[in-house]
């Protein structure tokens, strides 16, 4: 068996119209976009996320170079997390990944919107240069962040789930490399 998929999307739900109104329901809409990620891309994406969570600028730069956007590595990490580069580095310096979570304040939203406007041209360049599967992952991350915000759990679940699958992918690759050597 291979590493676990980075995105688990094939989930079926049956919603009964007879549920009591007071019961909370989560309805998932299937956007119909499925893609098997090439192994090399999945490994690069996993190394990128690992570098982001550790605030490891060198690891982020290396992954960005593999994705064809090496000179834009701080912007790539900021686009992936919707956090400023300084927050990404702070998470690594302090060992506290909470620096990567949205703060949800008006000032934070204004800051992120300001960065998006300031770097709009460069964001367009990055989106044009990155491997196509990354565009789907960007959109998936954005949808998950939006759902978390609406549910009052901003940033907690999707970061941890993404990191868990990325670490599984890296661990699987390390085991495969070790087995090939012995």
C-alpha atoms as a PDB file:
ATOM      1  CA  UNK A   1       0.000   0.000   0.000  1.00  0.00           C
ATOM      2  CA  UNK A   2       1.158   3.551  -0.578  1.00  0.00           C
ATOM      3  CA  UNK A   3       1.076   6.593   1.665  1.00  0.00           C
ATOM      4  CA  UNK A   4      -2.312   7.920   2.676  1.00  0.00           C
ATOM      5  CA  UNK A   5      -3.860  10.407   0.262  1.00  0.00           C
ATOM      6  CA  UNK A   6      -3.229  14.049   1.018  1.00  0.00           C
ATOM      7  CA  UNK A   7      -6.877  14.884   0.556  1.00  0.00           C
ATOM      8  CA  UNK A   8      -9.648  12.498   1.467  1.00  0.00           C
ATOM      9  CA  UNK A   9     -12.618  13.544  -0.624  1.00  0.00           C
ATOM     10  CA  UNK A  10     -14.680  10.454  -1.356  1.00  0.00           C
ATOM     11  CA  UNK A  11     -17.065  10.532   1.578  1.00  0.00           C
ATOM     12  CA  UNK A  12     -20.745   9.679   1.371  1.00  0.00           C
ATOM     13  CA  UNK A  13     -23.432  11.089   3.634  1.00  0.00           C
ATOM     14  CA  UNK A  14     -27.130  10.460   3.806  1.00  0.00           C
ATOM     15  CA  UNK A  15     -29.039  13.374   5.250  1.00  0.00           C
ATOM     16  CA  UNK A  16     -32.478  12.448   6.493  1.00  0.00           C
ATOM     17  CA  UNK A  17     -35.226  15.059   6.194  1.00  0.00           C
ATOM     18  CA  UNK A  18     -36.688  13.580   9.384  1.00  0.00           C
ATOM     19  CA  UNK A  19     -33.909  14.715  11.749  1.00  0.00           C
ATOM     20  CA  UNK A  20     -35.086  17.001  14.544  1.00  0.00           C
ATOM     21  CA  UNK A  21     -34.497  20.663  13.710  1.00  0.00           C
ATOM     22  CA  UNK A  22     -32.482  21.160  16.900  1.00  0.00           C
ATOM     23  CA  UNK A  23     -29.854  18.673  15.734  1.00  0.00           C
ATOM     24  CA  UNK A  24     -26.701  20.139  14.159  1.00  0.00           C
ATOM     25  CA  UNK A  25     -26.015  18.996  10.617  1.00  0.00           C
ATOM     26  CA  UNK A  26     -22.853  19.227   8.571  1.00  0.00           C
ATOM     27  CA  UNK A  27     -23.553  19.148   4.872  1.00  0.00           C
ATOM     28  CA  UNK A  28     -20.643  18.570   2.521  1.00  0.00           C
ATOM     29  CA  UNK A  29     -20.985  19.600  -1.077  1.00  0.00           C
ATOM     30  CA  UNK A  30     -18.966  17.534  -3.495  1.00  0.00           C
ATOM     31  CA  UNK A  31     -17.239  19.925  -5.880  1.00  0.00           C
ATOM     32  CA  UNK A  32     -16.429  17.044  -8.229  1.00  0.00           C
ATOM     33  CA  UNK A  33     -12.725  17.835  -8.508  1.00  0.00           C
ATOM     34  CA  UNK A  34     -10.576  14.785  -7.942  1.00  0.00           C
ATOM     35  CA  UNK A  35      -6.966  14.385  -8.792  1.00  0.00           C
ATOM     36  CA  UNK A  36      -4.362  11.795  -7.999  1.00  0.00           C
ATOM     37  CA  UNK A  37      -1.289  13.714  -6.959  1.00  0.00           C
ATOM     38  CA  UNK A  38       1.960  12.636  -8.597  1.00  0.00           C
ATOM     39  CA  UNK A  39       4.283  11.094  -6.023  1.00  0.00           C
ATOM     40  CA  UNK A  40       7.070  13.644  -6.578  1.00  0.00           C
ATOM     41  CA  UNK A  41       4.603  16.507  -6.150  1.00  0.00           C
ATOM     42  CA  UNK A  42       3.098  14.979  -2.990  1.00  0.00           C
ATOM     43  CA  UNK A  43       6.586  14.684  -1.480  1.00  0.00           C
ATOM     44  CA  UNK A  44       7.483  18.261  -2.359  1.00  0.00           C
ATOM     45  CA  UNK A  45       4.171  19.521  -0.972  1.00  0.00           C
ATOM     46  CA  UNK A  46       4.764  17.503   2.208  1.00  0.00           C
ATOM     47  CA  UNK A  47       8.256  18.956   2.623  1.00  0.00           C
ATOM     48  CA  UNK A  48       6.820  22.438   2.051  1.00  0.00           C
ATOM     49  CA  UNK A  49       4.216  21.983   4.811  1.00  0.00           C
ATOM     50  CA  UNK A  50       6.789  20.482   7.143  1.00  0.00           C
ATOM     51  CA  UNK A  51       9.036  23.487   6.558  1.00  0.00           C
ATOM     52  CA  UNK A  52       6.145  25.898   7.105  1.00  0.00           C
ATOM     53  CA  UNK A  53       5.132  24.372  10.435  1.00  0.00           C
ATOM     54  CA  UNK A  54       8.753  24.402  11.596  1.00  0.00           C
ATOM     55  CA  UNK A  55       9.314  27.931  10.271  1.00  0.00           C
ATOM     56  CA  UNK A  56      12.283  26.511   8.360  1.00  0.00           C
ATOM     57  CA  UNK A  57      13.024  29.086   5.646  1.00  0.00           C
ATOM     58  CA  UNK A  58      15.602  26.833   3.956  1.00  0.00           C
ATOM     59  CA  UNK A  59      13.171  23.908   3.683  1.00  0.00           C
ATOM     60  CA  UNK A  60      10.460  26.225   2.374  1.00  0.00           C
ATOM     61  CA  UNK A  61      12.867  27.681  -0.203  1.00  0.00           C
ATOM     62  CA  UNK A  62      13.960  24.207  -1.370  1.00  0.00           C
ATOM     63  CA  UNK A  63      10.357  23.069  -1.827  1.00  0.00           C
ATOM     64  CA  UNK A  64       9.486  26.334  -3.597  1.00  0.00           C
ATOM     65  CA  UNK A  65      12.430  25.819  -5.961  1.00  0.00           C
ATOM     66  CA  UNK A  66      11.155  22.317  -6.773  1.00  0.00           C
ATOM     67  CA  UNK A  67       7.780  23.902  -7.559  1.00  0.00           C
ATOM     68  CA  UNK A  68       9.367  26.479  -9.854  1.00  0.00           C
ATOM     69  CA  UNK A  69       8.843  29.529  -7.627  1.00  0.00           C
ATOM     70  CA  UNK A  70      12.061  29.586  -5.600  1.00  0.00           C
ATOM     71  CA  UNK A  71      12.458  33.356  -5.491  1.00  0.00           C
ATOM     72  CA  UNK A  72       8.891  33.687  -4.200  1.00  0.00           C
ATOM     73  CA  UNK A  73       9.255  31.198  -1.330  1.00  0.00           C
ATOM     74  CA  UNK A  74       8.083  33.592   1.429  1.00  0.00           C
ATOM     75  CA  UNK A  75       5.032  34.488  -0.652  1.00  0.00           C
ATOM     76  CA  UNK A  76       4.306  30.825  -1.421  1.00  0.00           C
ATOM     77  CA  UNK A  77       4.318  30.001   2.296  1.00  0.00           C
ATOM     78  CA  UNK A  78       2.138  33.021   3.047  1.00  0.00           C
ATOM     79  CA  UNK A  79      -0.327  31.999   0.324  1.00  0.00           C
ATOM     80  CA  UNK A  80      -0.450  28.454   1.676  1.00  0.00           C
ATOM     81  CA  UNK A  81      -1.209  29.544   5.229  1.00  0.00           C
ATOM     82  CA  UNK A  82      -2.929  32.908   4.670  1.00  0.00           C
ATOM     83  CA  UNK A  83      -0.468  34.268   7.240  1.00  0.00           C
ATOM     84  CA  UNK A  84       2.343  36.806   6.879  1.00  0.00           C
ATOM     85  CA  UNK A  85       5.893  35.522   6.461  1.00  0.00           C
ATOM     86  CA  UNK A  86       6.802  36.947   9.869  1.00  0.00           C
ATOM     87  CA  UNK A  87       4.145  34.742  11.511  1.00  0.00           C
ATOM     88  CA  UNK A  88       5.544  31.685   9.746  1.00  0.00           C
ATOM     89  CA  UNK A  89       9.044  32.446  11.007  1.00  0.00           C
ATOM     90  CA  UNK A  90       7.691  33.213  14.488  1.00  0.00           C
ATOM     91  CA  UNK A  91       6.015  29.796  14.607  1.00  0.00           C
ATOM     92  CA  UNK A  92       9.414  28.222  13.986  1.00  0.00           C
ATOM     93  CA  UNK A  93      11.279  30.465  16.410  1.00  0.00           C
ATOM     94  CA  UNK A  94       8.854  29.867  19.254  1.00  0.00           C
ATOM     95  CA  UNK A  95       7.882  26.287  18.419  1.00  0.00           C
ATOM     96  CA  UNK A  96       4.271  27.418  18.650  1.00  0.00           C
ATOM     97  CA  UNK A  97       2.270  26.677  15.510  1.00  0.00           C
ATOM     98  CA  UNK A  98      -0.578  28.833  16.829  1.00  0.00           C
ATOM     99  CA  UNK A  99       1.197  31.753  15.133  1.00  0.00           C
ATOM    100  CA  UNK A 100      -0.085  30.205  11.888  1.00  0.00           C
ATOM    101  CA  UNK A 101      -3.734  30.388  12.920  1.00  0.00           C
ATOM    102  CA  UNK A 102      -6.003  33.195  11.905  1.00  0.00           C
ATOM    103  CA  UNK A 103      -6.604  35.609  14.702  1.00  0.00           C
ATOM    104  CA  UNK A 104     -10.027  36.595  13.407  1.00  0.00           C
ATOM    105  CA  UNK A 105      -9.693  40.206  14.506  1.00  0.00           C
ATOM    106  CA  UNK A 106     -10.577  43.142  12.293  1.00  0.00           C
ATOM    107  CA  UNK A 107      -6.942  44.273  12.399  1.00  0.00           C
ATOM    108  CA  UNK A 108      -5.732  40.825  11.303  1.00  0.00           C
ATOM    109  CA  UNK A 109      -8.216  40.694   8.432  1.00  0.00           C
ATOM    110  CA  UNK A 110      -7.192  44.194   7.356  1.00  0.00           C
ATOM    111  CA  UNK A 111      -3.503  43.232   7.465  1.00  0.00           C
ATOM    112  CA  UNK A 112      -4.040  40.115   5.329  1.00  0.00           C
ATOM    113  CA  UNK A 113      -6.193  42.044   2.843  1.00  0.00           C
ATOM    114  CA  UNK A 114      -3.489  44.715   2.657  1.00  0.00           C
ATOM    115  CA  UNK A 115      -0.812  42.115   1.931  1.00  0.00           C
ATOM    116  CA  UNK A 116      -3.017  40.521  -0.743  1.00  0.00           C
ATOM    117  CA  UNK A 117      -3.455  43.897  -2.446  1.00  0.00           C
ATOM    118  CA  UNK A 118       0.217  44.798  -2.083  1.00  0.00           C
ATOM    119  CA  UNK A 119       1.447  41.514  -3.567  1.00  0.00           C
ATOM    120  CA  UNK A 120      -1.378  40.893  -6.069  1.00  0.00           C
ATOM    121  CA  UNK A 121       0.955  40.978  -9.081  1.00  0.00           C
ATOM    122  CA  UNK A 122       3.396  38.540  -7.469  1.00  0.00           C
ATOM    123  CA  UNK A 123       0.559  36.285  -6.320  1.00  0.00           C
ATOM    124  CA  UNK A 124      -0.546  36.080  -9.956  1.00  0.00           C
ATOM    125  CA  UNK A 125       2.985  35.140 -11.015  1.00  0.00           C
ATOM    126  CA  UNK A 126       3.174  32.407  -8.366  1.00  0.00           C
ATOM    127  CA  UNK A 127      -0.218  31.014  -9.382  1.00  0.00           C
ATOM    128  CA  UNK A 128       0.946  30.954 -13.005  1.00  0.00           C
ATOM    129  CA  UNK A 129       4.196  29.133 -12.204  1.00  0.00           C
ATOM    130  CA  UNK A 130       3.285  26.522  -9.575  1.00  0.00           C
ATOM    131  CA  UNK A 131       2.394  22.957 -10.570  1.00  0.00           C
ATOM    132  CA  UNK A 132      -1.298  22.689 -11.442  1.00  0.00           C
ATOM    133  CA  UNK A 133      -2.146  20.305  -8.547  1.00  0.00           C
ATOM    134  CA  UNK A 134      -1.130  23.047  -6.113  1.00  0.00           C
ATOM    135  CA  UNK A 135      -3.962  25.241  -7.412  1.00  0.00           C
ATOM    136  CA  UNK A 136      -6.473  22.597  -6.320  1.00  0.00           C
ATOM    137  CA  UNK A 137      -4.787  22.350  -2.922  1.00  0.00           C
ATOM    138  CA  UNK A 138      -4.838  26.141  -2.504  1.00  0.00           C
ATOM    139  CA  UNK A 139      -8.575  26.145  -3.198  1.00  0.00           C
ATOM    140  CA  UNK A 140      -9.162  23.197  -0.870  1.00  0.00           C
ATOM    141  CA  UNK A 141      -7.220  24.933   1.926  1.00  0.00           C
ATOM    142  CA  UNK A 142      -9.245  28.111   1.407  1.00  0.00           C
ATOM    143  CA  UNK A 143     -12.536  26.191   1.550  1.00  0.00           C
ATOM    144  CA  UNK A 144     -11.478  24.380   4.731  1.00  0.00           C
ATOM    145  CA  UNK A 145     -10.383  27.635   6.390  1.00  0.00           C
ATOM    146  CA  UNK A 146     -13.704  29.232   5.477  1.00  0.00           C
ATOM    147  CA  UNK A 147     -15.674  26.306   6.914  1.00  0.00           C
ATOM    148  CA  UNK A 148     -13.594  26.431  10.112  1.00  0.00           C
ATOM    149  CA  UNK A 149     -14.217  30.170  10.465  1.00  0.00           C
ATOM    150  CA  UNK A 150     -17.937  29.657  10.050  1.00  0.00           C
ATOM    151  CA  UNK A 151     -17.900  26.877  12.653  1.00  0.00           C
ATOM    152  CA  UNK A 152     -15.788  28.910  15.084  1.00  0.00           C
ATOM    153  CA  UNK A 153     -12.755  26.618  14.892  1.00  0.00           C
ATOM    154  CA  UNK A 154     -10.472  28.747  12.705  1.00  0.00           C
ATOM    155  CA  UNK A 155      -7.189  27.184  11.684  1.00  0.00           C
ATOM    156  CA  UNK A 156      -7.097  24.289  14.101  1.00  0.00           C
ATOM    157  CA  UNK A 157      -8.383  21.274  12.199  1.00  0.00           C
ATOM    158  CA  UNK A 158      -7.177  21.700   8.649  1.00  0.00           C
ATOM    159  CA  UNK A 159      -3.597  22.595   9.593  1.00  0.00           C
ATOM    160  CA  UNK A 160      -3.281  19.579  11.845  1.00  0.00           C
ATOM    161  CA  UNK A 161      -4.907  17.202   9.377  1.00  0.00           C
ATOM    162  CA  UNK A 162      -2.783  18.472   6.494  1.00  0.00           C
ATOM    163  CA  UNK A 163       0.366  18.207   8.578  1.00  0.00           C
ATOM    164  CA  UNK A 164      -0.534  14.684   9.713  1.00  0.00           C
ATOM    165  CA  UNK A 165      -0.956  13.458   6.126  1.00  0.00           C
ATOM    166  CA  UNK A 166       2.188  15.259   5.000  1.00  0.00           C
ATOM    167  CA  UNK A 167       4.181  13.656   7.806  1.00  0.00           C
ATOM    168  CA  UNK A 168       2.751  10.234   6.879  1.00  0.00           C
ATOM    169  CA  UNK A 169       3.833  10.819   3.283  1.00  0.00           C
ATOM    170  CA  UNK A 170       7.363  11.800   4.386  1.00  0.00           C
ATOM    171  CA  UNK A 171       7.570   8.849   6.797  1.00  0.00           C
ATOM    172  CA  UNK A 172       6.454   6.439   4.056  1.00  0.00           C
ATOM    173  CA  UNK A 173       9.090   7.830   1.710  1.00  0.00           C
ATOM    174  CA  UNK A 174      11.802   7.527   4.364  1.00  0.00           C
ATOM    175  CA  UNK A 175      10.834   3.880   4.986  1.00  0.00           C
ATOM    176  CA  UNK A 176      10.854   3.142   1.255  1.00  0.00           C
ATOM    177  CA  UNK A 177      14.309   4.744   0.912  1.00  0.00           C
ATOM    178  CA  UNK A 178      15.616   2.772   3.891  1.00  0.00           C
ATOM    179  CA  UNK A 179      14.221  -0.475   2.464  1.00  0.00           C
ATOM    180  CA  UNK A 180      15.848   0.242  -0.897  1.00  0.00           C
ATOM    181  CA  UNK A 181      19.241   0.690   0.779  1.00  0.00           C
ATOM    182  CA  UNK A 182      19.077  -2.531   2.779  1.00  0.00           C
END
